[in-house]
N, C-alpha and C. Protein backbone atom coordinates (compact mmCIF):
# COMPACT_ATOMS: atom_id res chain seq x y z
N UNK A 1 -59.96 242.44 164.65
CA UNK A 1 -60.19 240.97 165.71
C UNK A 1 -61.31 240.49 165.99
N UNK A 2 -61.79 239.44 165.37
CA UNK A 2 -62.75 239.04 166.71
C UNK A 2 -61.75 238.25 167.78
N UNK A 3 -62.85 238.57 169.02
CA UNK A 3 -62.75 237.54 169.97
C UNK A 3 -62.05 236.25 170.02
N UNK A 4 -61.62 235.62 170.84
CA UNK A 4 -61.04 233.98 170.69
C UNK A 4 -62.32 233.21 170.83
N UNK A 5 -62.99 233.68 171.76
CA UNK A 5 -64.67 232.65 171.78
C UNK A 5 -65.13 233.17 170.62
N UNK A 6 -65.15 233.88 169.69
CA UNK A 6 -66.24 234.14 168.73
C UNK A 6 -65.61 233.65 167.15
N UNK A 7 -64.17 233.08 167.32
CA UNK A 7 -63.66 232.52 166.31
C UNK A 7 -64.30 231.59 165.16
N UNK A 8 -63.99 231.50 163.94
CA UNK A 8 -64.74 230.42 163.55
C UNK A 8 -63.67 229.14 162.63
N UNK A 9 -64.07 228.11 163.18
CA UNK A 9 -63.02 227.29 162.54
C UNK A 9 -63.01 226.45 161.32
N UNK A 10 -64.21 226.83 160.87
CA UNK A 10 -64.71 226.27 159.39
C UNK A 10 -65.08 224.60 159.42
N UNK A 11 -64.78 223.98 158.43
CA UNK A 11 -65.03 222.47 158.08
C UNK A 11 -63.86 221.59 158.84
N UNK A 12 -64.72 220.40 158.98
CA UNK A 12 -63.67 219.57 159.34
C UNK A 12 -63.59 218.62 158.15
N UNK A 13 -62.39 217.77 157.71
CA UNK A 13 -62.17 216.94 156.79
C UNK A 13 -62.89 215.96 156.59
N UNK A 14 -63.60 215.47 157.93
CA UNK A 14 -65.04 214.70 157.81
C UNK A 14 -66.27 215.18 157.27
N UNK A 15 -66.26 216.31 157.61
CA UNK A 15 -67.68 216.70 156.70
C UNK A 15 -68.30 217.60 157.74
N UNK A 16 -68.13 217.46 159.05
CA UNK A 16 -68.34 218.29 160.49
C UNK A 16 -67.86 219.62 160.44
N UNK A 17 -68.71 220.60 161.09
CA UNK A 17 -68.49 222.09 161.20
C UNK A 17 -67.60 221.85 162.52
N UNK A 18 -66.61 222.50 163.00
CA UNK A 18 -66.17 222.58 164.32
C UNK A 18 -66.28 223.79 164.71
N UNK A 19 -66.65 223.21 166.10
CA UNK A 19 -67.34 224.02 167.25
C UNK A 19 -66.21 224.49 167.94
N UNK A 20 -66.51 226.31 168.42
CA UNK A 20 -65.62 226.81 169.73
C UNK A 20 -65.96 226.46 170.64
N UNK A 21 -64.66 225.69 171.65
CA UNK A 21 -64.60 225.37 173.30
C UNK A 21 -63.28 226.04 173.86
N UNK A 22 -63.37 226.25 175.10
CA UNK A 22 -62.16 226.51 175.99
C UNK A 22 -61.32 224.99 176.40
N UNK A 23 -60.55 225.09 176.52
CA UNK A 23 -59.57 223.69 177.08
C UNK A 23 -58.16 223.76 177.86
N UNK A 24 -57.80 223.10 178.58
CA UNK A 24 -56.97 223.53 179.76
C UNK A 24 -55.46 222.79 179.19
N UNK A 25 -54.63 223.36 179.03
CA UNK A 25 -53.28 222.80 178.59
C UNK A 25 -52.41 222.77 179.91
N UNK A 26 -51.83 221.27 179.99
CA UNK A 26 -51.04 221.12 180.85
C UNK A 26 -50.03 220.45 180.49
N UNK A 27 -49.06 221.21 180.75
CA UNK A 27 -47.19 221.06 180.10
C UNK A 27 -46.16 221.41 180.57
N UNK A 28 -44.60 220.77 180.59
CA UNK A 28 -43.80 221.22 180.93
C UNK A 28 -42.84 221.99 180.43
N UNK A 29 -42.47 222.89 180.89
CA UNK A 29 -41.68 224.09 180.45
C UNK A 29 -40.36 224.30 181.26
N UNK A 30 -39.28 224.01 180.42
CA UNK A 30 -37.93 223.83 181.04
C UNK A 30 -38.17 223.27 182.62
N UNK A 31 -38.51 221.70 182.60
CA UNK A 31 -38.84 221.19 183.74
C UNK A 31 -39.98 221.72 184.98
N UNK A 32 -40.63 222.70 184.51
CA UNK A 32 -41.51 223.75 185.38
C UNK A 32 -42.77 223.79 184.82
N UNK A 33 -43.47 222.53 185.73
CA UNK A 33 -45.10 222.32 185.09
C UNK A 33 -46.30 223.77 185.05
N UNK A 34 -46.77 223.81 183.97
CA UNK A 34 -47.15 224.95 183.38
C UNK A 34 -49.07 224.91 183.41
N UNK A 35 -49.51 225.32 183.49
CA UNK A 35 -51.18 224.85 183.37
C UNK A 35 -51.99 226.11 182.25
N UNK A 36 -52.46 225.95 181.45
CA UNK A 36 -53.19 227.14 180.75
C UNK A 36 -54.25 227.14 180.55
N UNK A 37 -55.01 227.76 181.00
CA UNK A 37 -56.51 227.55 181.58
C UNK A 37 -57.32 228.43 180.10
N UNK A 38 -58.29 227.75 179.60
CA UNK A 38 -59.20 228.87 178.81
C UNK A 38 -58.55 229.16 177.50
N UNK A 39 -57.58 227.99 176.84
CA UNK A 39 -57.26 228.19 175.76
C UNK A 39 -58.84 227.84 174.70
N UNK A 40 -58.99 228.75 173.91
CA UNK A 40 -59.73 228.34 172.32
C UNK A 40 -59.15 227.36 171.95
N UNK A 41 -60.33 226.57 171.48
CA UNK A 41 -60.06 225.23 170.63
C UNK A 41 -61.43 224.99 169.80
N UNK A 42 -61.06 224.81 168.43
CA UNK A 42 -62.04 224.27 167.66
C UNK A 42 -62.31 222.59 167.91
N UNK A 43 -63.18 222.64 168.21
CA UNK A 43 -63.02 220.31 168.07
C UNK A 43 -64.53 220.12 166.84
N UNK A 44 -64.37 219.03 166.33
CA UNK A 44 -65.63 218.55 165.62
C UNK A 44 -66.42 218.00 166.25
N UNK A 45 -67.33 217.91 166.45
CA UNK A 45 -68.92 217.22 166.95
C UNK A 45 -68.48 215.46 166.21
N UNK A 46 -68.49 215.96 165.31
CA UNK A 46 -68.57 214.22 164.62
C UNK A 46 -67.48 213.12 164.78
N UNK A 47 -66.11 213.89 164.61
CA UNK A 47 -64.76 212.75 164.79
C UNK A 47 -63.87 213.23 165.68
N UNK A 48 -64.28 214.54 166.58
CA UNK A 48 -63.42 214.78 167.71
C UNK A 48 -62.07 215.06 167.19
N UNK A 49 -62.22 215.90 166.05
CA UNK A 49 -60.71 216.46 165.95
C UNK A 49 -60.40 217.57 166.56
N UNK A 50 -59.39 217.93 166.80
CA UNK A 50 -59.31 219.61 167.29
C UNK A 50 -58.43 219.90 166.43
N UNK A 51 -58.58 221.62 166.38
CA UNK A 51 -57.69 222.16 165.78
C UNK A 51 -57.25 223.60 166.60
N UNK A 52 -56.64 224.69 166.51
CA UNK A 52 -56.14 226.01 167.37
C UNK A 52 -55.74 226.85 165.74
N UNK A 53 -56.03 228.09 166.04
CA UNK A 53 -55.95 228.93 165.43
C UNK A 53 -54.47 229.37 165.70
N UNK A 54 -54.19 230.14 164.30
CA UNK A 54 -52.51 230.70 164.38
C UNK A 54 -52.29 231.22 165.42
N UNK A 55 -53.01 232.28 165.71
CA UNK A 55 -53.03 233.54 166.75
C UNK A 55 -52.73 233.10 168.39
N UNK A 56 -53.69 231.61 167.93
CA UNK A 56 -53.94 231.17 169.86
C UNK A 56 -52.20 230.51 169.89
N UNK A 57 -51.53 229.63 168.61
CA UNK A 57 -50.37 229.13 169.15
C UNK A 57 -49.30 229.89 168.77
N UNK A 58 -49.68 231.19 168.76
CA UNK A 58 -48.25 232.19 168.65
C UNK A 58 -48.42 232.83 170.16
N UNK A 59 -49.67 232.75 170.91
CA UNK A 59 -49.85 233.59 172.27
C UNK A 59 -49.17 232.90 173.00
N UNK A 60 -49.40 231.08 172.75
CA UNK A 60 -48.75 229.92 173.54
C UNK A 60 -47.03 229.81 173.69
N UNK A 61 -46.69 230.47 172.20
CA UNK A 61 -45.26 230.21 172.06
C UNK A 61 -44.84 231.75 172.59
N UNK A 62 -45.45 232.85 172.39
CA UNK A 62 -44.70 233.57 173.51
C UNK A 62 -44.85 233.86 174.96
N UNK A 63 -45.99 232.96 175.44
CA UNK A 63 -45.78 232.80 176.86
C UNK A 63 -44.33 231.66 177.20
N UNK A 64 -44.33 230.75 176.02
CA UNK A 64 -43.19 229.56 176.91
C UNK A 64 -42.02 230.28 176.79
N UNK A 65 -41.99 231.33 175.34
CA UNK A 65 -40.62 232.53 175.11
C UNK A 65 -40.27 233.25 176.03
N UNK A 66 -41.27 233.81 176.94
CA UNK A 66 -41.40 234.59 178.30
C UNK A 66 -40.86 233.53 179.28
N UNK A 67 -41.24 232.62 179.35
CA UNK A 67 -41.00 231.65 180.84
C UNK A 67 -39.44 231.11 180.53
N UNK A 68 -38.76 231.19 179.56
CA UNK A 68 -37.19 230.63 179.25
C UNK A 68 -36.80 231.91 179.34
N UNK A 69 -37.00 232.79 178.81
CA UNK A 69 -36.61 234.18 179.65
C UNK A 69 -35.83 234.51 180.87
N UNK A 70 -37.38 234.23 181.91
CA UNK A 70 -37.44 234.05 182.83
C UNK A 70 -36.84 233.15 183.79
N UNK A 71 -36.54 231.99 183.34
CA UNK A 71 -36.07 231.22 184.01
C UNK A 71 -34.41 231.38 183.97
N UNK A 72 -33.86 231.85 182.51
CA UNK A 72 -32.71 231.90 182.76
C UNK A 72 -32.09 233.38 183.27
N UNK A 73 -33.02 234.21 184.20
CA UNK A 73 -32.71 235.24 184.61
C UNK A 73 -32.58 234.50 186.14
């Protein structure tokens, strides 16, 4: 599997090609502020639409599940 920084996101509906970048995501999980740094995202330079790969979303979901388990103990 390619590293996250080498992921290809393909073509946007507007006709542009998604470019890889890393973003920060700030959210609240079970009342606790969480910041994820360096999250891979595809962004269209034409219309500014953004997309995530399924593997990235699965990692975020796993992190949130782990946090929920940690909070319940």
